[in-house]
PDB file of all heavy atoms in Angstrom:
ATOM      1  N   ASN A   1      33.465 168.765  84.221  1.00  0.00           N
ATOM      2  CA  ASN A   1      33.923 168.043  85.412  1.00  0.00           C
ATOM      3  C   ASN A   1      34.536 166.702  85.039  1.00  0.00           C
ATOM      4  O   ASN A   1      35.543 166.284  85.630  1.00  0.00           O
ATOM      5  CB  ASN A   1      32.785 167.861  86.408  1.00  0.00           C
ATOM      6  CG  ASN A   1      32.405 169.156  87.081  1.00  0.00           C
ATOM      7  OD1 ASN A   1      33.162 170.125  87.077  1.00  0.00           O
ATOM      8  ND2 ASN A   1      31.218 169.189  87.651  1.00  0.00           N
ATOM      9  N   ASP A   2      33.931 166.005  84.077  1.00  0.00           N
ATOM     10  CA  ASP A   2      34.495 164.731  83.615  1.00  0.00           C
ATOM     11  C   ASP A   2      35.894 164.924  83.037  1.00  0.00           C
ATOM     12  O   ASP A   2      36.798 164.119  83.302  1.00  0.00           O
ATOM     13  CB  ASP A   2      33.580 164.075  82.581  1.00  0.00           C
ATOM     14  CG  ASP A   2      32.287 163.537  83.173  1.00  0.00           C
ATOM     15  OD1 ASP A   2      32.204 163.397  84.416  1.00  0.00           O
ATOM     16  OD2 ASP A   2      31.348 163.269  82.387  1.00  0.00           O
ATOM     17  N   LEU A   3      36.082 166.001  82.265  1.00  0.00           N
ATOM     18  CA  LEU A   3      37.408 166.295  81.710  1.00  0.00           C
ATOM     19  C   LEU A   3      38.416 166.605  82.815  1.00  0.00           C
ATOM     20  O   LEU A   3      39.564 166.140  82.767  1.00  0.00           O
ATOM     21  CB  LEU A   3      37.326 167.473  80.737  1.00  0.00           C
ATOM     22  CG  LEU A   3      36.604 167.227  79.425  1.00  0.00           C
ATOM     23  CD1 LEU A   3      36.385 168.546  78.674  1.00  0.00           C
ATOM     24  CD2 LEU A   3      37.386 166.250  78.561  1.00  0.00           C
ATOM     25  N   ILE A   4      38.005 167.383  83.793  1.00  0.00           N
ATOM     26  CA  ILE A   4      38.888 167.731  84.915  1.00  0.00           C
ATOM     27  C   ILE A   4      39.304 166.473  85.672  1.00  0.00           C
ATOM     28  O   ILE A   4      40.486 166.263  85.961  1.00  0.00           O
ATOM     29  CB  ILE A   4      38.198 168.722  85.870  1.00  0.00           C
ATOM     30  CG1 ILE A   4      38.043 170.086  85.195  1.00  0.00           C
ATOM     31  CG2 ILE A   4      38.958 168.849  87.187  1.00  0.00           C
ATOM     32  CD1 ILE A   4      37.141 171.047  85.954  1.00  0.00           C
ATOM     33  N   LYS A   5      38.334 165.630  85.989  1.00  0.00           N
ATOM     34  CA  LYS A   5      38.624 164.408  86.754  1.00  0.00           C
ATOM     35  C   LYS A   5      39.526 163.460  85.966  1.00  0.00           C
ATOM     36  O   LYS A   5      40.433 162.839  86.533  1.00  0.00           O
ATOM     37  CB  LYS A   5      37.326 163.718  87.149  1.00  0.00           C
ATOM     38  CG  LYS A   5      36.547 164.490  88.190  1.00  0.00           C
ATOM     39  CD  LYS A   5      35.205 163.832  88.470  1.00  0.00           C
ATOM     40  CE  LYS A   5      34.387 164.653  89.437  1.00  0.00           C
ATOM     41  NZ  LYS A   5      33.052 164.069  89.673  1.00  0.00           N
ATOM     42  N   ALA A   6      39.301 163.355  84.669  1.00  0.00           N
ATOM     43  CA  ALA A   6      40.142 162.488  83.837  1.00  0.00           C
ATOM     44  C   ALA A   6      41.572 163.009  83.787  1.00  0.00           C
ATOM     45  O   ALA A   6      42.533 162.229  83.877  1.00  0.00           O
ATOM     46  CB  ALA A   6      39.557 162.375  82.427  1.00  0.00           C
ATOM     47  N   GLU A   7      41.733 164.321  83.650  1.00  0.00           N
ATOM     48  CA  GLU A   7      43.078 164.910  83.614  1.00  0.00           C
ATOM     49  C   GLU A   7      43.786 164.698  84.946  1.00  0.00           C
ATOM     50  O   GLU A   7      44.967 164.337  84.988  1.00  0.00           O
ATOM     51  CB  GLU A   7      42.981 166.397  83.287  1.00  0.00           C
ATOM     52  CG  GLU A   7      44.313 167.084  83.094  1.00  0.00           C
ATOM     53  CD  GLU A   7      45.046 166.646  81.844  1.00  0.00           C
ATOM     54  OE1 GLU A   7      44.422 166.163  80.886  1.00  0.00           O
ATOM     55  OE2 GLU A   7      46.294 166.801  81.827  1.00  0.00           O
ATOM     56  N   ALA A   8      43.078 164.906  86.040  1.00  0.00           N
ATOM     57  CA  ALA A   8      43.667 164.703  87.368  1.00  0.00           C
ATOM     58  C   ALA A   8      44.083 163.244  87.552  1.00  0.00           C
ATOM     59  O   ALA A   8      45.185 162.968  88.028  1.00  0.00           O
ATOM     60  CB  ALA A   8      42.680 165.121  88.456  1.00  0.00           C
ATOM     61  N   ALA A   9      43.223 162.323  87.161  1.00  0.00           N
ATOM     62  CA  ALA A   9      43.551 160.901  87.281  1.00  0.00           C
ATOM     63  C   ALA A   9      44.779 160.556  86.446  1.00  0.00           C
ATOM     64  O   ALA A   9      45.643 159.788  86.888  1.00  0.00           O
ATOM     65  CB  ALA A   9      42.355 160.048  86.870  1.00  0.00           C
ATOM     66  N   GLY A  10      44.861 161.144  85.255  1.00  0.00           N
ATOM     67  CA  GLY A  10      46.015 160.915  84.394  1.00  0.00           C
ATOM     68  C   GLY A  10      47.317 161.418  84.993  1.00  0.00           C
ATOM     69  O   GLY A  10      48.395 160.929  84.676  1.00  0.00           O
ATOM     70  N   LEU A  11      47.199 162.401  85.874  1.00  0.00           N
ATOM     71  CA  LEU A  11      48.366 162.942  86.575  1.00  0.00           C
ATOM     72  C   LEU A  11      48.605 162.250  87.910  1.00  0.00           C
ATOM     73  O   LEU A  11      49.496 162.631  88.660  1.00  0.00           O
ATOM     74  CB  LEU A  11      48.182 164.449  86.808  1.00  0.00           C
ATOM     75  CG  LEU A  11      48.136 165.307  85.545  1.00  0.00           C
ATOM     76  CD1 LEU A  11      47.709 166.727  85.893  1.00  0.00           C
ATOM     77  CD2 LEU A  11      49.496 165.301  84.859  1.00  0.00           C
ATOM     78  N   GLY A  12      47.783 161.239  88.210  1.00  0.00           N
ATOM     79  CA  GLY A  12      47.920 160.506  89.454  1.00  0.00           C
ATOM     80  C   GLY A  12      47.415 161.276  90.663  1.00  0.00           C
ATOM     81  O   GLY A  12      47.887 161.071  91.775  1.00  0.00           O
ATOM     82  N   MET A  13      46.433 162.147  90.446  1.00  0.00           N
ATOM     83  CA  MET A  13      45.906 162.968  91.529  1.00  0.00           C
ATOM     84  C   MET A  13      44.459 162.585  91.831  1.00  0.00           C
ATOM     85  O   MET A  13      43.739 162.139  90.950  1.00  0.00           O
ATOM     86  CB  MET A  13      45.942 164.446  91.126  1.00  0.00           C
ATOM     87  CG  MET A  13      47.323 164.946  90.779  1.00  0.00           C
ATOM     88  SD  MET A  13      47.293 166.530  89.917  1.00  0.00           S
ATOM     89  CE  MET A  13      46.881 167.624  91.229  1.00  0.00           C
ATOM     90  N   GLU A  14      44.059 162.804  93.074  1.00  0.00           N
ATOM     91  CA  GLU A  14      42.652 162.687  93.436  1.00  0.00           C
ATOM     92  C   GLU A  14      42.030 164.065  93.267  1.00  0.00           C
ATOM     93  O   GLU A  14      42.647 165.073  93.579  1.00  0.00           O
ATOM     94  CB  GLU A  14      42.495 162.236  94.885  1.00  0.00           C
ATOM     95  CG  GLU A  14      42.885 160.807  95.139  1.00  0.00           C
ATOM     96  CD  GLU A  14      42.650 160.403  96.580  1.00  0.00           C
ATOM     97  OE1 GLU A  14      41.858 161.061  97.292  1.00  0.00           O
ATOM     98  OE2 GLU A  14      43.266 159.423  96.997  1.00  0.00           O
ATOM     99  N   CYS A  15      40.798 164.088  92.794  1.00  0.00           N
ATOM    100  CA  CYS A  15      40.157 165.368  92.515  1.00  0.00           C
ATOM    101  C   CYS A  15      38.687 165.306  92.904  1.00  0.00           C
ATOM    102  O   CYS A  15      37.976 164.391  92.506  1.00  0.00           O
ATOM    103  CB  CYS A  15      40.301 165.677  91.034  1.00  0.00           C
ATOM    104  SG  CYS A  15      39.528 167.220  90.539  1.00  0.00           S
ATOM    105  N   ALA A  16      38.250 166.289  93.661  1.00  0.00           N
ATOM    106  CA  ALA A  16      36.830 166.468  93.962  1.00  0.00           C
ATOM    107  C   ALA A  16      36.389 167.774  93.324  1.00  0.00           C
ATOM    108  O   ALA A  16      37.170 168.718  93.235  1.00  0.00           O
ATOM    109  CB  ALA A  16      36.611 166.507  95.470  1.00  0.00           C
ATOM    110  N   VAL A  17      35.150 167.820  92.882  1.00  0.00           N
ATOM    111  CA  VAL A  17      34.625 169.013  92.226  1.00  0.00           C
ATOM    112  C   VAL A  17      33.317 169.415  92.900  1.00  0.00           C
ATOM    113  O   VAL A  17      32.438 168.581  93.102  1.00  0.00           O
ATOM    114  CB  VAL A  17      34.382 168.769  90.719  1.00  0.00           C
ATOM    115  CG1 VAL A  17      33.891 170.029  90.047  1.00  0.00           C
ATOM    116  CG2 VAL A  17      35.639 168.262  90.040  1.00  0.00           C
ATOM    117  N   GLU A  18      33.213 170.695  93.241  1.00  0.00           N
ATOM    118  CA  GLU A  18      32.007 171.250  93.860  1.00  0.00           C
ATOM    119  C   GLU A  18      31.607 172.516  93.123  1.00  0.00           C
ATOM    120  O   GLU A  18      32.427 173.144  92.455  1.00  0.00           O
ATOM    121  CB  GLU A  18      32.264 171.578  95.338  1.00  0.00           C
ATOM    122  CG  GLU A  18      32.677 170.402  96.191  1.00  0.00           C
ATOM    123  CD  GLU A  18      31.543 169.428  96.466  1.00  0.00           C
ATOM    124  OE1 GLU A  18      30.361 169.795  96.278  1.00  0.00           O
ATOM    125  OE2 GLU A  18      31.845 168.301  96.864  1.00  0.00           O
ATOM    126  N   GLN A  19      30.347 172.911  93.271  1.00  0.00           N
ATOM    127  CA  GLN A  19      29.857 174.145  92.672  1.00  0.00           C
ATOM    128  C   GLN A  19      28.822 174.754  93.592  1.00  0.00           C
ATOM    129  O   GLN A  19      28.032 174.047  94.205  1.00  0.00           O
ATOM    130  CB  GLN A  19      29.218 173.875  91.305  1.00  0.00           C
ATOM    131  CG  GLN A  19      28.849 175.109  90.494  1.00  0.00           C
ATOM    132  CD  GLN A  19      27.500 175.737  90.835  1.00  0.00           C
ATOM    133  OE1 GLN A  19      26.560 175.056  91.218  1.00  0.00           O
ATOM    134  NE2 GLN A  19      27.414 177.046  90.693  1.00  0.00           N
ATOM    135  N   SER A  20      28.841 176.072  93.703  1.00  0.00           N
ATOM    136  CA  SER A  20      27.809 176.781  94.450  1.00  0.00           C
ATOM    137  C   SER A  20      27.599 178.164  93.850  1.00  0.00           C
ATOM    138  O   SER A  20      28.540 178.781  93.352  1.00  0.00           O
ATOM    139  CB  SER A  20      28.183 176.921  95.925  1.00  0.00           C
ATOM    140  OG  SER A  20      27.155 177.632  96.612  1.00  0.00           O
ATOM    141  N   ASN A  21      26.367 178.617  93.940  1.00  0.00           N
ATOM    142  CA  ASN A  21      26.024 179.969  93.526  1.00  0.00           C
ATOM    143  C   ASN A  21      26.085 180.943  94.689  1.00  0.00           C
ATOM    144  O   ASN A  21      25.782 182.118  94.520  1.00  0.00           O
ATOM    145  CB  ASN A  21      24.623 179.987  92.907  1.00  0.00           C
ATOM    146  CG  ASN A  21      24.589 179.264  91.581  1.00  0.00           C
ATOM    147  OD1 ASN A  21      25.475 179.417  90.770  1.00  0.00           O
ATOM    148  ND2 ASN A  21      23.577 178.449  91.384  1.00  0.00           N
ATOM    149  N   HIS A  22      26.460 180.449  95.863  1.00  0.00           N
ATOM    150  CA  HIS A  22      26.440 181.264  97.076  1.00  0.00           C
ATOM    151  C   HIS A  22      27.852 181.422  97.637  1.00  0.00           C
ATOM    152  O   HIS A  22      28.512 180.432  97.973  1.00  0.00           O
ATOM    153  CB  HIS A  22      25.527 180.624  98.124  1.00  0.00           C
ATOM    154  CG  HIS A  22      24.140 180.389  97.593  1.00  0.00           C
ATOM    155  ND1 HIS A  22      23.212 181.395  97.474  1.00  0.00           N
ATOM    156  CD2 HIS A  22      23.548 179.273  97.112  1.00  0.00           C
ATOM    157  CE1 HIS A  22      22.095 180.896  96.962  1.00  0.00           C
ATOM    158  NE2 HIS A  22      22.282 179.617  96.726  1.00  0.00           N
ATOM    159  N   GLU A  23      28.307 182.648  97.747  1.00  0.00           N
ATOM    160  CA  GLU A  23      29.675 182.911  98.196  1.00  0.00           C
ATOM    161  C   GLU A  23      29.944 182.358  99.586  1.00  0.00           C
ATOM    162  O   GLU A  23      31.030 181.841  99.858  1.00  0.00           O
ATOM    163  CB  GLU A  23      29.960 184.406  98.143  1.00  0.00           C
ATOM    164  CG  GLU A  23      29.989 184.942  96.726  1.00  0.00           C
ATOM    165  CD  GLU A  23      30.059 186.455  96.659  1.00  0.00           C
ATOM    166  OE1 GLU A  23      30.007 187.124  97.707  1.00  0.00           O
ATOM    167  OE2 GLU A  23      30.176 186.967  95.531  1.00  0.00           O
ATOM    168  N   GLY A  24      28.973 182.461 100.493  1.00  0.00           N
ATOM    169  CA  GLY A  24      29.155 181.934 101.850  1.00  0.00           C
ATOM    170  C   GLY A  24      29.381 180.429 101.854  1.00  0.00           C
ATOM    171  O   GLY A  24      30.191 179.916 102.622  1.00  0.00           O
ATOM    172  N   VAL A  25      28.688 179.716 100.975  1.00  0.00           N
ATOM    173  CA  VAL A  25      28.868 178.262 100.858  1.00  0.00           C
ATOM    174  C   VAL A  25      30.269 177.954 100.344  1.00  0.00           C
ATOM    175  O   VAL A  25      30.922 177.006 100.807  1.00  0.00           O
ATOM    176  CB  VAL A  25      27.779 177.647  99.949  1.00  0.00           C
ATOM    177  CG1 VAL A  25      28.058 176.185  99.663  1.00  0.00           C
ATOM    178  CG2 VAL A  25      26.400 177.812 100.582  1.00  0.00           C
ATOM    179  N   ILE A  26      30.748 178.766  99.409  1.00  0.00           N
ATOM    180  CA  ILE A  26      32.100 178.562  98.883  1.00  0.00           C
ATOM    181  C   ILE A  26      33.133 178.767  99.991  1.00  0.00           C
ATOM    182  O   ILE A  26      34.084 177.987 100.106  1.00  0.00           O
ATOM    183  CB  ILE A  26      32.356 179.481  97.674  1.00  0.00           C
ATOM    184  CG1 ILE A  26      31.471 179.036  96.502  1.00  0.00           C
ATOM    185  CG2 ILE A  26      33.830 179.479  97.274  1.00  0.00           C
ATOM    186  CD1 ILE A  26      31.468 179.973  95.318  1.00  0.00           C
ATOM    187  N   ILE A  27      32.945 179.782 100.822  1.00  0.00           N
ATOM    188  CA  ILE A  27      33.855 180.009 101.957  1.00  0.00           C
ATOM    189  C   ILE A  27      33.820 178.808 102.890  1.00  0.00           C
ATOM    190  O   ILE A  27      34.869 178.342 103.360  1.00  0.00           O
ATOM    191  CB  ILE A  27      33.491 181.304 102.715  1.00  0.00           C
ATOM    192  CG1 ILE A  27      33.658 182.525 101.811  1.00  0.00           C
ATOM    193  CG2 ILE A  27      34.310 181.444 103.992  1.00  0.00           C
ATOM    194  CD1 ILE A  27      35.050 182.740 101.275  1.00  0.00           C
ATOM    195  N   ASP A  28      32.631 178.268 103.151  1.00  0.00           N
ATOM    196  CA  ASP A  28      32.521 177.069 103.993  1.00  0.00           C
ATOM    197  C   ASP A  28      33.266 175.892 103.366  1.00  0.00           C
ATOM    198  O   ASP A  28      33.917 175.111 104.076  1.00  0.00           O
ATOM    199  CB  ASP A  28      31.061 176.706 104.226  1.00  0.00           C
ATOM    200  CG  ASP A  28      30.339 177.693 105.139  1.00  0.00           C
ATOM    201  OD1 ASP A  28      31.017 178.451 105.871  1.00  0.00           O
ATOM    202  OD2 ASP A  28      29.086 177.705 105.104  1.00  0.00           O
ATOM    203  N   MET A  29      33.190 175.753 102.042  1.00  0.00           N
ATOM    204  CA  MET A  29      33.928 174.683 101.346  1.00  0.00           C
ATOM    205  C   MET A  29      35.431 174.844 101.557  1.00  0.00           C
ATOM    206  O   MET A  29      36.137 173.864 101.789  1.00  0.00           O
ATOM    207  CB  MET A  29      33.627 174.708  99.850  1.00  0.00           C
ATOM    208  CG  MET A  29      32.285 174.233  99.449  1.00  0.00           C
ATOM    209  SD  MET A  29      32.151 174.387  97.637  1.00  0.00           S
ATOM    210  CE  MET A  29      30.384 174.252  97.437  1.00  0.00           C
ATOM    211  N   LEU A  30      35.897 176.089 101.445  1.00  0.00           N
ATOM    212  CA  LEU A  30      37.330 176.347 101.630  1.00  0.00           C
ATOM    213  C   LEU A  30      37.767 176.023 103.048  1.00  0.00           C
ATOM    214  O   LEU A  30      38.838 175.432 103.256  1.00  0.00           O
ATOM    215  CB  LEU A  30      37.656 177.797 101.282  1.00  0.00           C
ATOM    216  CG  LEU A  30      37.425 178.207  99.828  1.00  0.00           C
ATOM    217  CD1 LEU A  30      37.690 179.685  99.646  1.00  0.00           C
ATOM    218  CD2 LEU A  30      38.280 177.379  98.890  1.00  0.00           C
ATOM    219  N   HIS A  31      36.970 176.392 104.025  1.00  0.00           N
ATOM    220  CA  HIS A  31      37.305 176.082 105.416  1.00  0.00           C
ATOM    221  C   HIS A  31      37.334 174.577 105.633  1.00  0.00           C
ATOM    222  O   HIS A  31      38.245 174.058 106.297  1.00  0.00           O
ATOM    223  CB  HIS A  31      36.304 176.734 106.364  1.00  0.00           C
ATOM    224  CG  HIS A  31      36.452 178.220 106.443  1.00  0.00           C
ATOM    225  ND1 HIS A  31      35.730 178.980 107.321  1.00  0.00           N
ATOM    226  CD2 HIS A  31      37.217 179.096 105.759  1.00  0.00           C
ATOM    227  CE1 HIS A  31      36.054 180.250 107.185  1.00  0.00           C
ATOM    228  NE2 HIS A  31      36.961 180.343 106.231  1.00  0.00           N
ATOM    229  N   ALA A  32      36.353 173.867 105.079  1.00  0.00           N
ATOM    230  CA  ALA A  32      36.285 172.413 105.233  1.00  0.00           C
ATOM    231  C   ALA A  32      37.438 171.711 104.510  1.00  0.00           C
ATOM    232  O   ALA A  32      37.821 170.600 104.892  1.00  0.00           O
ATOM    233  CB  ALA A  32      34.947 171.899 104.718  1.00  0.00           C
ATOM    234  N   ALA A  33      37.998 172.345 103.494  1.00  0.00           N
ATOM    235  CA  ALA A  33      39.083 171.740 102.713  1.00  0.00           C
ATOM    236  C   ALA A  33      40.422 171.762 103.450  1.00  0.00           C
ATOM    237  O   ALA A  33      41.321 170.975 103.126  1.00  0.00           O
ATOM    238  CB  ALA A  33      39.228 172.457 101.375  1.00  0.00           C
ATOM    239  N   MET A  34      40.531 172.633 104.444  1.00  0.00           N
ATOM    240  CA  MET A  34      41.814 172.753 105.171  1.00  0.00           C
ATOM    241  C   MET A  34      42.170 171.426 105.830  1.00  0.00           C
ATOM    242  O   MET A  34      41.368 170.825 106.535  1.00  0.00           O
ATOM    243  CB  MET A  34      41.724 173.859 106.218  1.00  0.00           C
ATOM    244  CG  MET A  34      41.618 175.236 105.595  1.00  0.00           C
ATOM    245  SD  MET A  34      41.279 176.579 106.765  1.00  0.00           S
ATOM    246  CE  MET A  34      42.566 176.355 107.964  1.00  0.00           C
ATOM    247  N   GLY A  35      43.372 170.947 105.536  1.00  0.00           N
ATOM    248  CA  GLY A  35      43.845 169.696 106.113  1.00  0.00           C
ATOM    249  C   GLY A  35      43.348 168.461 105.392  1.00  0.00           C
ATOM    250  O   GLY A  35      43.765 167.351 105.711  1.00  0.00           O
ATOM    251  N   VAL A  36      42.438 168.642 104.428  1.00  0.00           N
ATOM    252  CA  VAL A  36      41.902 167.514 103.668  1.00  0.00           C
ATOM    253  C   VAL A  36      42.517 167.470 102.268  1.00  0.00           C
ATOM    254  O   VAL A  36      42.850 166.407 101.764  1.00  0.00           O
ATOM    255  CB  VAL A  36      40.359 167.608 103.558  1.00  0.00           C
ATOM    256  CG1 VAL A  36      39.792 166.499 102.686  1.00  0.00           C
ATOM    257  CG2 VAL A  36      39.722 167.601 104.945  1.00  0.00           C
ATOM    258  N   TYR A  37      42.668 168.645 101.663  1.00  0.00           N
ATOM    259  CA  TYR A  37      43.191 168.750 100.304  1.00  0.00           C
ATOM    260  C   TYR A  37      44.550 169.445 100.312  1.00  0.00           C
ATOM    261  O   TYR A  37      44.833 170.265 101.177  1.00  0.00           O
ATOM    262  CB  TYR A  37      42.217 169.543  99.413  1.00  0.00           C
ATOM    263  CG  TYR A  37      40.907 168.836  99.223  1.00  0.00           C
ATOM    264  CD1 TYR A  37      39.810 169.138 100.024  1.00  0.00           C
ATOM    265  CD2 TYR A  37      40.768 167.827  98.274  1.00  0.00           C
ATOM    266  CE1 TYR A  37      38.606 168.460  99.863  1.00  0.00           C
ATOM    267  CE2 TYR A  37      39.572 167.156  98.103  1.00  0.00           C
ATOM    268  CZ  TYR A  37      38.499 167.480  98.908  1.00  0.00           C
ATOM    269  OH  TYR A  37      37.314 166.810  98.747  1.00  0.00           O
ATOM    270  N   ASP A  38      45.350 169.097  99.322  1.00  0.00           N
ATOM    271  CA  ASP A  38      46.671 169.734  99.175  1.00  0.00           C
ATOM    272  C   ASP A  38      46.581 171.059  98.422  1.00  0.00           C
ATOM    273  O   ASP A  38      47.501 171.878  98.487  1.00  0.00           O
ATOM    274  CB  ASP A  38      47.617 168.782  98.422  1.00  0.00           C
ATOM    275  CG  ASP A  38      47.810 167.487  99.184  1.00  0.00           C
ATOM    276  OD1 ASP A  38      48.296 167.563 100.328  1.00  0.00           O
ATOM    277  OD2 ASP A  38      47.462 166.424  98.647  1.00  0.00           O
TER     278      ASP A  38
END
């Protein structure tokens, strides 16, 4: 995650990182991301 965030920052991007072992939670993350992330 530190490597991902550093690479994103180097590209001038904002980056959030999440993890879940539950598919339903991942779907909820995707729904919540609509209109927030590019």
